[in-house]
Amino acid sequence: MRSSTTAEGPIPAQGEQAAYWLRRCQGFRVESDGRRIGIVEDVLYGAEHDRPSALLVRTGMLKRRLEAISLEDVEEIFPRAQRLSLRAVSRRD
């Protein structure tokens, strides 16, 4: 059995293995529908100090904007590729 630190394939965003990687995902690339959204700048914690509540993601063309992304929006984690995939969201244009 592989440990959570050596995950090679995608990990669903629930469970202990996902929690491990979400606490350590600073610098991971964030994508949705195959499009690059940004880079995880920081992991935010709420009332539960051992469980992340959101990710602070640097977005935009020049990566100047910071956006808080709920962990509920994370669909899969690709630890080896240092990448997170978000659930598809309908965009308001």
Foldseek 3Di string as FASTA:
>chain_A
DDDLVPDAAKDFCDDDSNQVCLQVLAQAFEEEPNHTFFGFHHFDCDPPPSGTAWTWGQGDPVSPDTDTGGSVQWGIARVVNSYTYGYHDDDDD
